[in-house]
Amino acid sequence: MSDPLLKIPNHHAPGCGDPPIVDGNSDDQYVGYFENSYGEQWIFTLDRKTGKAVLRGGDIGWNTAHAIVDGRTNDLILSAEEQLWLKACWAAAASQSIG
């Protein structure tokens, strides 16, 4: 099958940087996407081999990766909904981590 499962447009201005290109072909990568009620977009990725997890967001600049440790980031202030989503991503990804 050659058609993508999911295509998501970037809702942020060019000044926010280039949105990440996420390759879902790797079995070693978990990917989570969230968009809040204001259209702010977030991408969570976790490398299952290394255990390294990062969060990127349009409003904070797509090119900046924020480290996620134990399902949290100390670098950002997230809404309650964003925190719940991030914890859900962490739980799903970490439970499958082989690193």
PDB file of N, CA and C in Angstrom:
ATOM      1  N   MET A   1       0.853  -1.175   0.000  1.00  0.00           N
ATOM      2  CA  MET A   1       0.000   0.000   0.000  1.00  0.00           C
ATOM      3  C   MET A   1       0.897   1.236   0.000  1.00  0.00           C
ATOM      4  N   SER A   2       0.679   2.145  -0.918  1.00  0.00           N
ATOM      5  CA  SER A   2       1.560   3.301  -1.050  1.00  0.00           C
ATOM      6  C   SER A   2       0.979   4.587  -0.472  1.00  0.00           C
ATOM      7  N   ASP A   3      -0.295   4.616  -0.145  1.00  0.00           N
ATOM      8  CA  ASP A   3      -0.894   5.828   0.396  1.00  0.00           C
ATOM      9  C   ASP A   3      -0.590   5.971   1.882  1.00  0.00           C
ATOM     10  N   PRO A   4      -0.277   7.208   2.312  1.00  0.00           N
ATOM     11  CA  PRO A   4       0.002   7.417   3.735  1.00  0.00           C
ATOM     12  C   PRO A   4      -1.242   7.165   4.583  1.00  0.00           C
ATOM     13  N   LEU A   5      -1.019   6.709   5.781  1.00  0.00           N
ATOM     14  CA  LEU A   5      -2.105   6.498   6.724  1.00  0.00           C
ATOM     15  C   LEU A   5      -2.643   7.833   7.231  1.00  0.00           C
ATOM     16  N   LEU A   6      -1.753   8.791   7.411  1.00  0.00           N
ATOM     17  CA  LEU A   6      -2.138  10.060   8.009  1.00  0.00           C
ATOM     18  C   LEU A   6      -1.337  11.196   7.390  1.00  0.00           C
ATOM     19  N   LYS A   7      -2.019  12.250   6.964  1.00  0.00           N
ATOM     20  CA  LYS A   7      -1.365  13.466   6.474  1.00  0.00           C
ATOM     21  C   LYS A   7      -1.924  14.625   7.283  1.00  0.00           C
ATOM     22  N   ILE A   8      -1.033  15.399   7.886  1.00  0.00           N
ATOM     23  CA  ILE A   8      -1.463  16.495   8.751  1.00  0.00           C
ATOM     24  C   ILE A   8      -0.843  17.796   8.252  1.00  0.00           C
ATOM     25  N   PRO A   9      -1.663  18.800   7.934  1.00  0.00           N
ATOM     26  CA  PRO A   9      -1.098  20.076   7.493  1.00  0.00           C
ATOM     27  C   PRO A   9      -0.531  20.863   8.672  1.00  0.00           C
ATOM     28  N   ASN A  10       0.474  21.659   8.380  1.00  0.00           N
ATOM     29  CA  ASN A  10       1.069  22.548   9.373  1.00  0.00           C
ATOM     30  C   ASN A  10       0.190  23.786   9.514  1.00  0.00           C
ATOM     31  N   HIS A  11      -0.255  24.081  10.726  1.00  0.00           N
ATOM     32  CA  HIS A  11      -1.114  25.240  10.974  1.00  0.00           C
ATOM     33  C   HIS A  11      -0.336  26.472  11.428  1.00  0.00           C
ATOM     34  N   HIS A  12       0.987  26.363  11.485  1.00  0.00           N
ATOM     35  CA  HIS A  12       1.794  27.440  12.049  1.00  0.00           C
ATOM     36  C   HIS A  12       2.455  28.276  10.958  1.00  0.00           C
ATOM     37  N   ALA A  13       2.792  29.508  11.321  1.00  0.00           N
ATOM     38  CA  ALA A  13       3.415  30.446  10.396  1.00  0.00           C
ATOM     39  C   ALA A  13       4.819  29.987  10.014  1.00  0.00           C
ATOM     40  N   PRO A  14       5.304  30.414   8.854  1.00  0.00           N
ATOM     41  CA  PRO A  14       6.651  30.033   8.428  1.00  0.00           C
ATOM     42  C   PRO A  14       7.732  30.357   9.465  1.00  0.00           C
ATOM     43  N   GLY A  15       7.534  31.406  10.238  1.00  0.00           N
ATOM     44  CA  GLY A  15       8.511  31.791  11.259  1.00  0.00           C
ATOM     45  C   GLY A  15       8.675  30.763  12.370  1.00  0.00           C
ATOM     46  N   CYS A  16       7.782  29.803  12.429  1.00  0.00           N
ATOM     47  CA  CYS A  16       7.867  28.746  13.448  1.00  0.00           C
ATOM     48  C   CYS A  16       8.819  27.629  13.030  1.00  0.00           C
ATOM     49  N   GLY A  17       9.394  27.742  11.846  1.00  0.00           N
ATOM     50  CA  GLY A  17      10.319  26.725  11.361  1.00  0.00           C
ATOM     51  C   GLY A  17       9.596  25.664  10.555  1.00  0.00           C
ATOM     52  N   ASP A  18      10.385  24.723  10.087  1.00  0.00           N
ATOM     53  CA  ASP A  18       9.833  23.632   9.290  1.00  0.00           C
ATOM     54  C   ASP A  18       9.304  22.537  10.207  1.00  0.00           C
ATOM     55  N   PRO A  19       8.087  22.071   9.967  1.00  0.00           N
ATOM     56  CA  PRO A  19       7.578  20.982  10.794  1.00  0.00           C
ATOM     57  C   PRO A  19       8.414  19.731  10.569  1.00  0.00           C
ATOM     58  N   PRO A  20       8.493  18.890  11.580  1.00  0.00           N
ATOM     59  CA  PRO A  20       9.309  17.684  11.430  1.00  0.00           C
ATOM     60  C   PRO A  20       8.707  16.732  10.406  1.00  0.00           C
ATOM     61  N   ILE A  21       9.584  16.041   9.719  1.00  0.00           N
ATOM     62  CA  ILE A  21       9.156  14.969   8.826  1.00  0.00           C
ATOM     63  C   ILE A  21       9.304  13.687   9.622  1.00  0.00           C
ATOM     64  N   VAL A  22       8.202  13.025   9.852  1.00  0.00           N
ATOM     65  CA  VAL A  22       8.198  11.828  10.679  1.00  0.00           C
ATOM     66  C   VAL A  22       8.033  10.623   9.774  1.00  0.00           C
ATOM     67  N   ASP A  23       9.004   9.736   9.822  1.00  0.00           N
ATOM     68  CA  ASP A  23       8.964   8.516   9.028  1.00  0.00           C
ATOM     69  C   ASP A  23       8.413   7.400   9.897  1.00  0.00           C
ATOM     70  N   GLY A  24       7.214   6.983   9.595  1.00  0.00           N
ATOM     71  CA  GLY A  24       6.569   5.949  10.386  1.00  0.00           C
ATOM     72  C   GLY A  24       6.931   4.534   9.977  1.00  0.00           C
ATOM     73  N   ASN A  25       7.930   4.383   9.116  1.00  0.00           N
ATOM     74  CA  ASN A  25       8.322   3.054   8.656  1.00  0.00           C
ATOM     75  C   ASN A  25       9.220   2.313   9.637  1.00  0.00           C
ATOM     76  N   SER A  26       9.705   2.984  10.641  1.00  0.00           N
ATOM     77  CA  SER A  26      10.598   2.334  11.592  1.00  0.00           C
ATOM     78  C   SER A  26       9.796   1.699  12.730  1.00  0.00           C
ATOM     79  N   ASP A  27      10.056   0.438  12.981  1.00  0.00           N
ATOM     80  CA  ASP A  27       9.415  -0.244  14.111  1.00  0.00           C
ATOM     81  C   ASP A  27       9.973   0.240  15.442  1.00  0.00           C
ATOM     82  N   ASP A  28      11.100   0.943  15.386  1.00  0.00           N
ATOM     83  CA  ASP A  28      11.768   1.387  16.609  1.00  0.00           C
ATOM     84  C   ASP A  28      11.326   2.770  17.063  1.00  0.00           C
ATOM     85  N   GLN A  29      10.376   3.378  16.358  1.00  0.00           N
ATOM     86  CA  GLN A  29       9.946   4.730  16.707  1.00  0.00           C
ATOM     87  C   GLN A  29       8.452   4.768  17.023  1.00  0.00           C
ATOM     88  N   TYR A  30       8.141   5.373  18.161  1.00  0.00           N
ATOM     89  CA  TYR A  30       6.743   5.641  18.515  1.00  0.00           C
ATOM     90  C   TYR A  30       6.475   7.104  18.168  1.00  0.00           C
ATOM     91  N   VAL A  31       5.314   7.388  17.578  1.00  0.00           N
ATOM     92  CA  VAL A  31       4.950   8.749  17.197  1.00  0.00           C
ATOM     93  C   VAL A  31       3.576   9.075  17.760  1.00  0.00           C
ATOM     94  N   GLY A  32       3.467  10.237  18.389  1.00  0.00           N
ATOM     95  CA  GLY A  32       2.184  10.727  18.872  1.00  0.00           C
ATOM     96  C   GLY A  32       1.945  12.138  18.356  1.00  0.00           C
ATOM     97  N   TYR A  33       0.698  12.454  18.034  1.00  0.00           N
ATOM     98  CA  TYR A  33       0.326  13.778  17.529  1.00  0.00           C
ATOM     99  C   TYR A  33      -0.816  14.325  18.371  1.00  0.00           C
ATOM    100  N   PHE A  34      -0.764  15.636  18.637  1.00  0.00           N
ATOM    101  CA  PHE A  34      -1.832  16.289  19.393  1.00  0.00           C
ATOM    102  C   PHE A  34      -2.051  17.686  18.830  1.00  0.00           C
ATOM    103  N   GLU A  35      -3.305  18.083  18.749  1.00  0.00           N
ATOM    104  CA  GLU A  35      -3.659  19.453  18.380  1.00  0.00           C
ATOM    105  C   GLU A  35      -4.681  19.943  19.392  1.00  0.00           C
ATOM    106  N   ASN A  36      -4.366  21.055  20.057  1.00  0.00           N
ATOM    107  CA  ASN A  36      -5.300  21.560  21.057  1.00  0.00           C
ATOM    108  C   ASN A  36      -6.390  22.412  20.412  1.00  0.00           C
ATOM    109  N   SER A  37      -7.273  22.939  21.220  1.00  0.00           N
ATOM    110  CA  SER A  37      -8.434  23.679  20.707  1.00  0.00           C
ATOM    111  C   SER A  37      -8.045  24.996  20.026  1.00  0.00           C
ATOM    112  N   TYR A  38      -6.793  25.436  20.195  1.00  0.00           N
ATOM    113  CA  TYR A  38      -6.315  26.671  19.559  1.00  0.00           C
ATOM    114  C   TYR A  38      -5.565  26.375  18.258  1.00  0.00           C
ATOM    115  N   GLY A  39      -5.474  25.103  17.888  1.00  0.00           N
ATOM    116  CA  GLY A  39      -4.766  24.717  16.680  1.00  0.00           C
ATOM    117  C   GLY A  39      -3.270  24.537  16.875  1.00  0.00           C
ATOM    118  N   GLU A  40      -2.811  24.609  18.113  1.00  0.00           N
ATOM    119  CA  GLU A  40      -1.388  24.388  18.398  1.00  0.00           C
ATOM    120  C   GLU A  40      -1.083  22.900  18.256  1.00  0.00           C
ATOM    121  N   GLN A  41      -0.050  22.601  17.489  1.00  0.00           N
ATOM    122  CA  GLN A  41       0.270  21.219  17.164  1.00  0.00           C
ATOM    123  C   GLN A  41       1.516  20.742  17.909  1.00  0.00           C
ATOM    124  N   TRP A  42       1.472  19.473  18.301  1.00  0.00           N
ATOM    125  CA  TRP A  42       2.581  18.842  19.021  1.00  0.00           C
ATOM    126  C   TRP A  42       2.889  17.489  18.392  1.00  0.00           C
ATOM    127  N   ILE A  43       4.178  17.149  18.337  1.00  0.00           N
ATOM    128  CA  ILE A  43       4.636  15.834  17.883  1.00  0.00           C
ATOM    129  C   ILE A  43       5.543  15.261  18.970  1.00  0.00           C
ATOM    130  N   PHE A  44       5.215  14.056  19.421  1.00  0.00           N
ATOM    131  CA  PHE A  44       6.021  13.315  20.393  1.00  0.00           C
ATOM    132  C   PHE A  44       6.648  12.138  19.659  1.00  0.00           C
ATOM    133  N   THR A  45       7.941  11.942  19.841  1.00  0.00           N
ATOM    134  CA  THR A  45       8.590  10.757  19.286  1.00  0.00           C
ATOM    135  C   THR A  45       9.450  10.112  20.364  1.00  0.00           C
ATOM    136  N   LEU A  46       9.504   8.783  20.330  1.00  0.00           N
ATOM    137  CA  LEU A  46      10.361   8.030  21.230  1.00  0.00           C
ATOM    138  C   LEU A  46      11.055   6.948  20.424  1.00  0.00           C
ATOM    139  N   ASP A  47      12.378   6.919  20.535  1.00  0.00           N
ATOM    140  CA  ASP A  47      13.183   5.878  19.900  1.00  0.00           C
ATOM    141  C   ASP A  47      13.231   4.704  20.868  1.00  0.00           C
ATOM    142  N   ARG A  48      12.638   3.597  20.495  1.00  0.00           N
ATOM    143  CA  ARG A  48      12.537   2.450  21.398  1.00  0.00           C
ATOM    144  C   ARG A  48      13.885   1.802  21.677  1.00  0.00           C
ATOM    145  N   LYS A  49      14.834   1.945  20.787  1.00  0.00           N
ATOM    146  CA  LYS A  49      16.166   1.372  21.018  1.00  0.00           C
ATOM    147  C   LYS A  49      16.952   2.166  22.041  1.00  0.00           C
ATOM    148  N   THR A  50      16.883   3.489  21.937  1.00  0.00           N
ATOM    149  CA  THR A  50      17.680   4.338  22.834  1.00  0.00           C
ATOM    150  C   THR A  50      16.890   4.817  24.052  1.00  0.00           C
ATOM    151  N   GLY A  51      15.566   4.791  23.944  1.00  0.00           N
ATOM    152  CA  GLY A  51      14.721   5.316  25.012  1.00  0.00           C
ATOM    153  C   GLY A  51      14.622   6.832  24.994  1.00  0.00           C
ATOM    154  N   LYS A  52      15.242   7.485  24.005  1.00  0.00           N
ATOM    155  CA  LYS A  52      15.217   8.945  23.908  1.00  0.00           C
ATOM    156  C   LYS A  52      13.864   9.407  23.375  1.00  0.00           C
ATOM    157  N   ALA A  53      13.236  10.308  24.124  1.00  0.00           N
ATOM    158  CA  ALA A  53      11.946  10.861  23.721  1.00  0.00           C
ATOM    159  C   ALA A  53      12.054  12.376  23.617  1.00  0.00           C
ATOM    160  N   VAL A  54      11.392  12.938  22.608  1.00  0.00           N
ATOM    161  CA  VAL A  54      11.395  14.389  22.431  1.00  0.00           C
ATOM    162  C   VAL A  54       9.998  14.874  22.072  1.00  0.00           C
ATOM    163  N   LEU A  55       9.781  16.142  22.355  1.00  0.00           N
ATOM    164  CA  LEU A  55       8.525  16.819  22.032  1.00  0.00           C
ATOM    165  C   LEU A  55       8.855  18.037  21.192  1.00  0.00           C
ATOM    166  N   ARG A  56       8.114  18.210  20.106  1.00  0.00           N
ATOM    167  CA  ARG A  56       8.262  19.387  19.242  1.00  0.00           C
ATOM    168  C   ARG A  56       6.893  20.026  19.073  1.00  0.00           C
ATOM    169  N   GLY A  57       6.869  21.340  18.978  1.00  0.00           N
ATOM    170  CA  GLY A  57       5.613  22.049  18.795  1.00  0.00           C
ATOM    171  C   GLY A  57       5.782  23.244  17.885  1.00  0.00           C
ATOM    172  N   GLY A  58       4.755  23.553  17.129  1.00  0.00           N
ATOM    173  CA  GLY A  58       4.812  24.682  16.216  1.00  0.00           C
ATOM    174  C   GLY A  58       4.969  26.013  16.926  1.00  0.00           C
ATOM    175  N   ASP A  59       4.218  26.222  17.980  1.00  0.00           N
ATOM    176  CA  ASP A  59       4.265  27.508  18.681  1.00  0.00           C
ATOM    177  C   ASP A  59       5.593  27.763  19.388  1.00  0.00           C
ATOM    178  N   ILE A  60       6.322  26.709  19.678  1.00  0.00           N
ATOM    179  CA  ILE A  60       7.615  26.867  20.361  1.00  0.00           C
ATOM    180  C   ILE A  60       8.776  26.752  19.382  1.00  0.00           C
ATOM    181  N   GLY A  61       8.461  26.603  18.105  1.00  0.00           N
ATOM    182  CA  GLY A  61       9.486  26.461  17.078  1.00  0.00           C
ATOM    183  C   GLY A  61       9.719  24.993  16.778  1.00  0.00           C
ATOM    184  N   TRP A  62       9.292  24.567  15.607  1.00  0.00           N
ATOM    185  CA  TRP A  62       9.385  23.160  15.236  1.00  0.00           C
ATOM    186  C   TRP A  62      10.801  22.608  15.342  1.00  0.00           C
ATOM    187  N   ASN A  63      11.804  23.446  15.133  1.00  0.00           N
ATOM    188  CA  ASN A  63      13.184  22.966  15.089  1.00  0.00           C
ATOM    189  C   ASN A  63      13.793  22.707  16.463  1.00  0.00           C
ATOM    190  N   THR A  64      13.085  23.021  17.510  1.00  0.00           N
ATOM    191  CA  THR A  64      13.592  22.804  18.869  1.00  0.00           C
ATOM    192  C   THR A  64      12.967  21.547  19.455  1.00  0.00           C
ATOM    193  N   ALA A  65      13.817  20.596  19.809  1.00  0.00           N
ATOM    194  CA  ALA A  65      13.356  19.348  20.418  1.00  0.00           C
ATOM    195  C   ALA A  65      13.529  19.448  21.930  1.00  0.00           C
ATOM    196  N   HIS A  66      12.457  19.194  22.656  1.00  0.00           N
ATOM    197  CA  HIS A  66      12.495  19.219  24.121  1.00  0.00           C
ATOM    198  C   HIS A  66      12.515  17.792  24.646  1.00  0.00           C
ATOM    199  N   ALA A  67      13.479  17.502  25.492  1.00  0.00           N
ATOM    200  CA  ALA A  67      13.629  16.159  26.043  1.00  0.00           C
ATOM    201  C   ALA A  67      12.445  15.812  26.940  1.00  0.00           C
ATOM    202  N   ILE A  68      11.998  14.567  26.836  1.00  0.00           N
ATOM    203  CA  ILE A  68      10.939  14.046  27.688  1.00  0.00           C
ATOM    204  C   ILE A  68      11.560  12.948  28.552  1.00  0.00           C
ATOM    205  N   VAL A  69      11.422  13.099  29.848  1.00  0.00           N
ATOM    206  CA  VAL A  69      11.949  12.120  30.800  1.00  0.00           C
ATOM    207  C   VAL A  69      10.812  11.733  31.734  1.00  0.00           C
ATOM    208  N   ASP A  70      10.566  10.444  31.847  1.00  0.00           N
ATOM    209  CA  ASP A  70       9.474   9.943  32.696  1.00  0.00           C
ATOM    210  C   ASP A  70       8.135  10.586  32.351  1.00  0.00           C
ATOM    211  N   GLY A  71       7.931  10.878  31.067  1.00  0.00           N
ATOM    212  CA  GLY A  71       6.660  11.425  30.609  1.00  0.00           C
ATOM    213  C   GLY A  71       6.475  12.905  30.858  1.00  0.00           C
ATOM    214  N   ARG A  72       7.559  13.589  31.215  1.00  0.00           N
ATOM    215  CA  ARG A  72       7.451  15.031  31.521  1.00  0.00           C
ATOM    216  C   ARG A  72       8.580  15.803  30.851  1.00  0.00           C
ATOM    217  N   THR A  73       8.335  17.092  30.690  1.00  0.00           N
ATOM    218  CA  THR A  73       9.379  18.016  30.264  1.00  0.00           C
ATOM    219  C   THR A  73       9.428  19.151  31.266  1.00  0.00           C
ATOM    220  N   ASN A  74      10.621  19.517  31.656  1.00  0.00           N
ATOM    221  CA  ASN A  74      10.782  20.637  32.595  1.00  0.00           C
ATOM    222  C   ASN A  74      10.958  21.949  31.856  1.00  0.00           C
ATOM    223  N   ASP A  75      11.035  21.896  30.520  1.00  0.00           N
ATOM    224  CA  ASP A  75      11.305  23.085  29.724  1.00  0.00           C
ATOM    225  C   ASP A  75      10.058  23.876  29.342  1.00  0.00           C
ATOM    226  N   LEU A  76       8.884  23.247  29.433  1.00  0.00           N
ATOM    227  CA  LEU A  76       7.673  23.852  28.894  1.00  0.00           C
ATOM    228  C   LEU A  76       6.542  23.869  29.916  1.00  0.00           C
ATOM    229  N   ILE A  77       5.653  24.831  29.746  1.00  0.00           N
ATOM    230  CA  ILE A  77       4.414  24.855  30.512  1.00  0.00           C
ATOM    231  C   ILE A  77       3.321  24.363  29.573  1.00  0.00           C
ATOM    232  N   LEU A  78       2.753  23.215  29.896  1.00  0.00           N
ATOM    233  CA  LEU A  78       1.711  22.614  29.074  1.00  0.00           C
ATOM    234  C   LEU A  78       0.363  22.704  29.770  1.00  0.00           C
ATOM    235  N   SER A  79      -0.696  22.784  28.977  1.00  0.00           N
ATOM    236  CA  SER A  79      -2.046  22.779  29.533  1.00  0.00           C
ATOM    237  C   SER A  79      -2.335  21.405  30.126  1.00  0.00           C
ATOM    238  N   ALA A  80      -3.410  21.293  30.872  1.00  0.00           N
ATOM    239  CA  ALA A  80      -3.789  20.008  31.473  1.00  0.00           C
ATOM    240  C   ALA A  80      -4.019  18.959  30.393  1.00  0.00           C
ATOM    241  N   GLU A  81      -4.674  19.347  29.296  1.00  0.00           N
ATOM    242  CA  GLU A  81      -4.941  18.412  28.206  1.00  0.00           C
ATOM    243  C   GLU A  81      -3.647  17.959  27.542  1.00  0.00           C
ATOM    244  N   GLU A  82      -2.718  18.893  27.333  1.00  0.00           N
ATOM    245  CA  GLU A  82      -1.437  18.556  26.725  1.00  0.00           C
ATOM    246  C   GLU A  82      -0.634  17.623  27.631  1.00  0.00           C
ATOM    247  N   GLN A  83      -0.683  17.865  28.931  1.00  0.00           N
ATOM    248  CA  GLN A  83       0.012  16.993  29.880  1.00  0.00           C
ATOM    249  C   GLN A  83      -0.564  15.588  29.865  1.00  0.00           C
ATOM    250  N   LEU A  84      -1.883  15.468  29.814  1.00  0.00           N
ATOM    251  CA  LEU A  84      -2.520  14.145  29.754  1.00  0.00           C
ATOM    252  C   LEU A  84      -2.124  13.399  28.486  1.00  0.00           C
ATOM    253  N   TRP A  85      -2.135  14.106  27.365  1.00  0.00           N
ATOM    254  CA  TRP A  85      -1.735  13.495  26.104  1.00  0.00           C
ATOM    255  C   TRP A  85      -0.285  13.022  26.171  1.00  0.00           C
ATOM    256  N   LEU A  86       0.602  13.879  26.694  1.00  0.00           N
ATOM    257  CA  LEU A  86       2.015  13.523  26.782  1.00  0.00           C
ATOM    258  C   LEU A  86       2.222  12.298  27.667  1.00  0.00           C
ATOM    259  N   LYS A  87       1.520  12.237  28.783  1.00  0.00           N
ATOM    260  CA  LYS A  87       1.633  11.073  29.669  1.00  0.00           C
ATOM    261  C   LYS A  87       1.113   9.813  28.994  1.00  0.00           C
ATOM    262  N   ALA A  88       0.043   9.946  28.210  1.00  0.00           N
ATOM    263  CA  ALA A  88      -0.493   8.798  27.482  1.00  0.00           C
ATOM    264  C   ALA A  88       0.504   8.316  26.430  1.00  0.00           C
ATOM    265  N   CYS A  89       1.136   9.247  25.718  1.00  0.00           N
ATOM    266  CA  CYS A  89       2.163   8.870  24.745  1.00  0.00           C
ATOM    267  C   CYS A  89       3.306   8.153  25.438  1.00  0.00           C
ATOM    268  N   TRP A  90       3.759   8.699  26.558  1.00  0.00           N
ATOM    269  CA  TRP A  90       4.869   8.096  27.292  1.00  0.00           C
ATOM    270  C   TRP A  90       4.514   6.679  27.747  1.00  0.00           C
ATOM    271  N   ALA A  91       3.335   6.530  28.291  1.00  0.00           N
ATOM    272  CA  ALA A  91       2.925   5.203  28.777  1.00  0.00           C
ATOM    273  C   ALA A  91       2.856   4.202  27.629  1.00  0.00           C
ATOM    274  N   ALA A  92       2.292   4.602  26.520  1.00  0.00           N
ATOM    275  CA  ALA A  92       2.184   3.698  25.371  1.00  0.00           C
ATOM    276  C   ALA A  92       3.548   3.366  24.795  1.00  0.00           C
ATOM    277  N   ALA A  93       4.390   4.359  24.643  1.00  0.00           N
ATOM    278  CA  ALA A  93       5.708   4.159  24.025  1.00  0.00           C
ATOM    279  C   ALA A  93       6.659   3.439  24.958  1.00  0.00           C
ATOM    280  N   ALA A  94       6.688   3.816  26.216  1.00  0.00           N
ATOM    281  CA  ALA A  94       7.633   3.225  27.161  1.00  0.00           C
ATOM    282  C   ALA A  94       7.305   1.769  27.439  1.00  0.00           C
ATOM    283  N   SER A  95       6.035   1.416  27.356  1.00  0.00           N
ATOM    284  CA  SER A  95       5.658   0.025  27.617  1.00  0.00           C
ATOM    285  C   SER A  95       6.161  -0.905  26.522  1.00  0.00           C
ATOM    286  N   GLN A  96       6.466  -0.344  25.364  1.00  0.00           N
ATOM    287  CA  GLN A  96       6.950  -1.127  24.231  1.00  0.00           C
ATOM    288  C   GLN A  96       8.446  -0.942  24.010  1.00  0.00           C
ATOM    289  N   SER A  97       9.082  -0.120  24.840  1.00  0.00           N
ATOM    290  CA  SER A  97      10.485   0.199  24.646  1.00  0.00           C
ATOM    291  C   SER A  97      11.374  -1.017  24.884  1.00  0.00           C
ATOM    292  N   ILE A  98      12.339  -1.197  24.029  1.00  0.00           N
ATOM    293  CA  ILE A  98      13.277  -2.309  24.181  1.00  0.00           C
ATOM    294  C   ILE A  98      14.662  -1.799  24.577  1.00  0.00           C
ATOM    295  N   GLY A  99      14.791  -0.453  24.727  1.00  0.00           N
ATOM    296  CA  GLY A  99      16.089   0.128  25.002  1.00  0.00           C
ATOM    297  C   GLY A  99      16.441   0.158  26.431  1.00  0.00           C
TER     298      GLY A  99
END
